[in-house]
Structure formats: C-alpha cells, structure tokens
N, C-alpha and C. Protein backbone atom coordinates (compact mmCIF):
# COMPACT_ATOMS: atom_id res chain seq x y z
N MET A 1 -8.33 13.39 -20.62
CA MET A 1 -8.52 14.64 -19.87
C MET A 1 -7.56 14.51 -18.88
N ILE A 2 -6.97 13.46 -18.48
CA ILE A 2 -5.89 13.42 -17.54
C ILE A 2 -4.60 13.81 -18.32
N LYS A 3 -4.51 13.31 -19.42
CA LYS A 3 -3.16 13.97 -20.19
C LYS A 3 -3.06 15.30 -20.18
N TRP A 4 -4.29 16.13 -20.51
CA TRP A 4 -4.30 17.45 -20.30
C TRP A 4 -3.88 17.99 -18.99
N ALA A 5 -4.42 17.46 -18.12
CA ALA A 5 -4.14 17.90 -16.58
C ALA A 5 -2.63 17.76 -16.33
N ILE A 6 -1.98 16.67 -16.75
CA ILE A 6 -0.56 16.59 -16.57
C ILE A 6 0.10 17.50 -17.39
N ILE A 7 -0.28 17.74 -18.65
CA ILE A 7 0.42 18.86 -19.44
C ILE A 7 0.40 20.19 -18.77
N PHE A 8 -0.76 20.67 -18.34
CA PHE A 8 -0.97 21.90 -17.70
C PHE A 8 -0.08 21.89 -16.30
N LEU A 9 -0.10 20.83 -15.64
CA LEU A 9 0.77 20.62 -14.43
C LEU A 9 2.12 20.98 -14.69
N VAL A 10 2.71 20.36 -15.65
CA VAL A 10 4.14 20.54 -16.11
C VAL A 10 4.19 21.94 -16.46
N ILE A 11 3.29 22.67 -17.30
CA ILE A 11 3.56 23.99 -17.73
C ILE A 11 3.51 24.90 -16.41
N GLY A 12 2.67 24.54 -15.38
CA GLY A 12 2.57 25.34 -14.17
C GLY A 12 3.87 25.23 -13.50
N LEU A 13 4.42 24.09 -13.18
CA LEU A 13 5.56 23.83 -12.60
C LEU A 13 6.79 24.66 -13.15
N ILE A 14 6.96 24.53 -14.58
CA ILE A 14 8.05 25.31 -15.32
C ILE A 14 7.77 26.79 -15.12
N ALA A 15 6.54 27.24 -15.42
CA ALA A 15 6.41 28.58 -15.11
C ALA A 15 6.75 29.14 -13.86
N GLY A 16 6.33 28.25 -12.75
CA GLY A 16 6.55 28.55 -11.23
C GLY A 16 8.19 28.59 -11.13
N ALA A 17 8.84 27.82 -11.71
CA ALA A 17 10.42 27.73 -11.66
C ALA A 17 10.99 28.87 -12.31
N LEU A 18 10.46 29.50 -13.42
CA LEU A 18 11.00 30.58 -14.00
C LEU A 18 10.67 31.90 -13.42
N GLY A 19 9.57 31.85 -12.61
CA GLY A 19 9.28 33.10 -11.82
C GLY A 19 8.04 33.76 -12.52
N LEU A 20 7.35 32.92 -13.40
CA LEU A 20 6.07 33.53 -13.94
C LEU A 20 4.83 33.19 -13.07
N GLY A 21 4.73 33.89 -12.13
CA GLY A 21 3.58 33.56 -11.06
C GLY A 21 2.19 33.57 -11.69
N GLY A 22 1.89 34.42 -12.53
CA GLY A 22 0.50 34.49 -13.13
C GLY A 22 0.30 33.40 -14.01
N VAL A 23 1.08 33.11 -14.81
CA VAL A 23 1.23 31.96 -15.83
C VAL A 23 1.00 30.60 -15.01
N ALA A 24 1.86 30.41 -14.08
CA ALA A 24 1.98 29.26 -13.28
C ALA A 24 0.52 29.04 -12.48
N GLY A 25 0.07 30.10 -11.63
CA GLY A 25 -1.23 29.87 -11.11
C GLY A 25 -2.35 29.54 -12.09
N VAL A 26 -2.39 30.19 -13.25
CA VAL A 26 -3.61 29.79 -14.14
C VAL A 26 -3.29 28.29 -14.59
N SER A 27 -2.19 27.87 -14.84
CA SER A 27 -1.89 26.60 -15.42
C SER A 27 -2.32 25.49 -14.26
N MET A 28 -1.92 25.78 -13.02
CA MET A 28 -2.20 24.78 -12.06
C MET A 28 -3.56 24.86 -11.77
N GLY A 29 -4.35 25.91 -11.94
CA GLY A 29 -5.76 26.02 -11.66
C GLY A 29 -6.50 24.98 -12.93
N ILE A 30 -6.02 25.22 -14.06
CA ILE A 30 -6.70 24.35 -15.16
C ILE A 30 -6.50 23.00 -15.01
N ALA A 31 -5.03 22.72 -14.57
CA ALA A 31 -4.76 21.16 -14.37
C ALA A 31 -5.72 20.68 -13.19
N LYS A 32 -5.79 21.42 -12.16
CA LYS A 32 -6.80 20.86 -11.01
C LYS A 32 -8.19 20.71 -11.44
N PHE A 33 -8.71 21.67 -12.21
CA PHE A 33 -10.00 21.63 -12.62
C PHE A 33 -10.16 20.35 -13.57
N LEU A 34 -9.24 20.12 -14.58
CA LEU A 34 -9.23 18.84 -15.42
C LEU A 34 -9.04 17.68 -14.71
N PHE A 35 -8.40 17.53 -13.63
CA PHE A 35 -8.12 16.34 -12.93
C PHE A 35 -9.33 16.05 -12.27
N ILE A 36 -10.01 17.06 -11.52
CA ILE A 36 -11.15 16.77 -10.73
C ILE A 36 -12.25 16.19 -11.68
N GLY A 37 -12.36 16.90 -12.92
CA GLY A 37 -13.30 16.62 -13.85
C GLY A 37 -13.12 15.12 -14.23
N ALA A 38 -12.04 14.78 -14.57
CA ALA A 38 -11.83 13.53 -15.00
C ALA A 38 -12.03 12.45 -13.92
N LEU A 39 -11.71 12.74 -12.78
CA LEU A 39 -11.95 11.81 -11.73
C LEU A 39 -13.27 11.68 -11.48
N LEU A 40 -14.20 12.80 -11.47
CA LEU A 40 -15.72 12.65 -11.30
C LEU A 40 -16.36 11.74 -12.34
N ILE A 41 -15.80 11.97 -13.74
CA ILE A 41 -16.19 11.06 -14.77
C ILE A 41 -16.16 9.73 -14.49
N ALA A 42 -14.92 9.41 -14.10
CA ALA A 42 -14.56 8.07 -13.85
C ALA A 42 -15.41 7.38 -12.81
N VAL A 43 -15.65 8.09 -11.68
CA VAL A 43 -16.43 7.68 -10.58
C VAL A 43 -17.93 7.38 -11.13
N VAL A 44 -18.39 8.38 -11.94
CA VAL A 44 -19.79 8.14 -12.38
C VAL A 44 -19.84 6.71 -13.47
N LEU A 45 -18.85 6.71 -14.23
CA LEU A 45 -18.88 5.49 -15.07
C LEU A 45 -18.68 4.24 -14.19
N PHE A 46 -17.94 4.22 -13.29
CA PHE A 46 -17.66 2.96 -12.33
C PHE A 46 -18.91 2.77 -11.62
N VAL A 47 -19.68 3.77 -11.08
CA VAL A 47 -20.96 3.45 -10.48
C VAL A 47 -22.15 2.83 -11.46
N LEU A 48 -22.06 3.57 -12.69
CA LEU A 48 -23.07 3.02 -13.59
C LEU A 48 -22.57 1.50 -14.00
N GLY A 49 -21.38 1.27 -14.12
CA GLY A 49 -20.97 -0.11 -14.44
C GLY A 49 -21.33 -1.03 -13.54
N LEU A 50 -21.46 -0.63 -12.36
CA LEU A 50 -21.79 -1.65 -11.01
C LEU A 50 -23.25 -1.70 -11.12
N THR A 51 -23.89 -0.69 -11.46
CA THR A 51 -25.57 -0.88 -11.27
C THR A 51 -26.31 -1.04 -12.56
N VAL A 52 -26.28 -0.09 -13.44
CA VAL A 52 -27.28 -0.22 -14.63
C VAL A 52 -26.67 -1.16 -15.66
N PHE A 53 -25.47 -1.17 -16.08
CA PHE A 53 -25.03 -1.98 -17.10
C PHE A 53 -25.07 -3.31 -16.74
N ARG A 54 -24.86 -3.82 -15.32
CA ARG A 54 -25.02 -5.20 -15.01
C ARG A 54 -26.49 -5.71 -15.10
N LYS A 55 -27.49 -4.87 -14.92
CA LYS A 55 -28.83 -5.31 -15.23
C LYS A 55 -29.17 -5.38 -16.69
N VAL A 56 -28.51 -4.67 -17.58
CA VAL A 56 -28.83 -4.88 -18.85
C VAL A 56 -28.21 -6.11 -19.48
N THR A 57 -27.23 -6.63 -19.02
CA THR A 57 -26.61 -7.81 -19.63
C THR A 57 -26.99 -9.07 -18.85
C-alpha cells in the first residue's frame, strides 16, 4: 500500500510540475489516503502484536 502511495505521489508531483492541476490534486489526494490507510493498518497490527498475540504464544 505504501508502494502505491509513493507511485501516486510521484504522479502528482510530475503532473504539478507540468501544470496539470486537476490530475496533480487527485493524485496527491489518493497518495495521502493510501499512506494514512497503510499507517493505520500498521499501528493496529503493532498494537495487536503487543497485546493479543503475546497472550496466545
């Protein structure tokens, strides 16, 4: 998911440099959404790893 966020970030930066404002804005929005989603999933899995999975083993 982070890989896709980076890809959309690069697309947004290139589109912004070329003057394509609409495409740049959409690409940056998608990149931000994917990055936040990946960050939330990572935090949830980290918390589960510290709590639930420790009790199982």
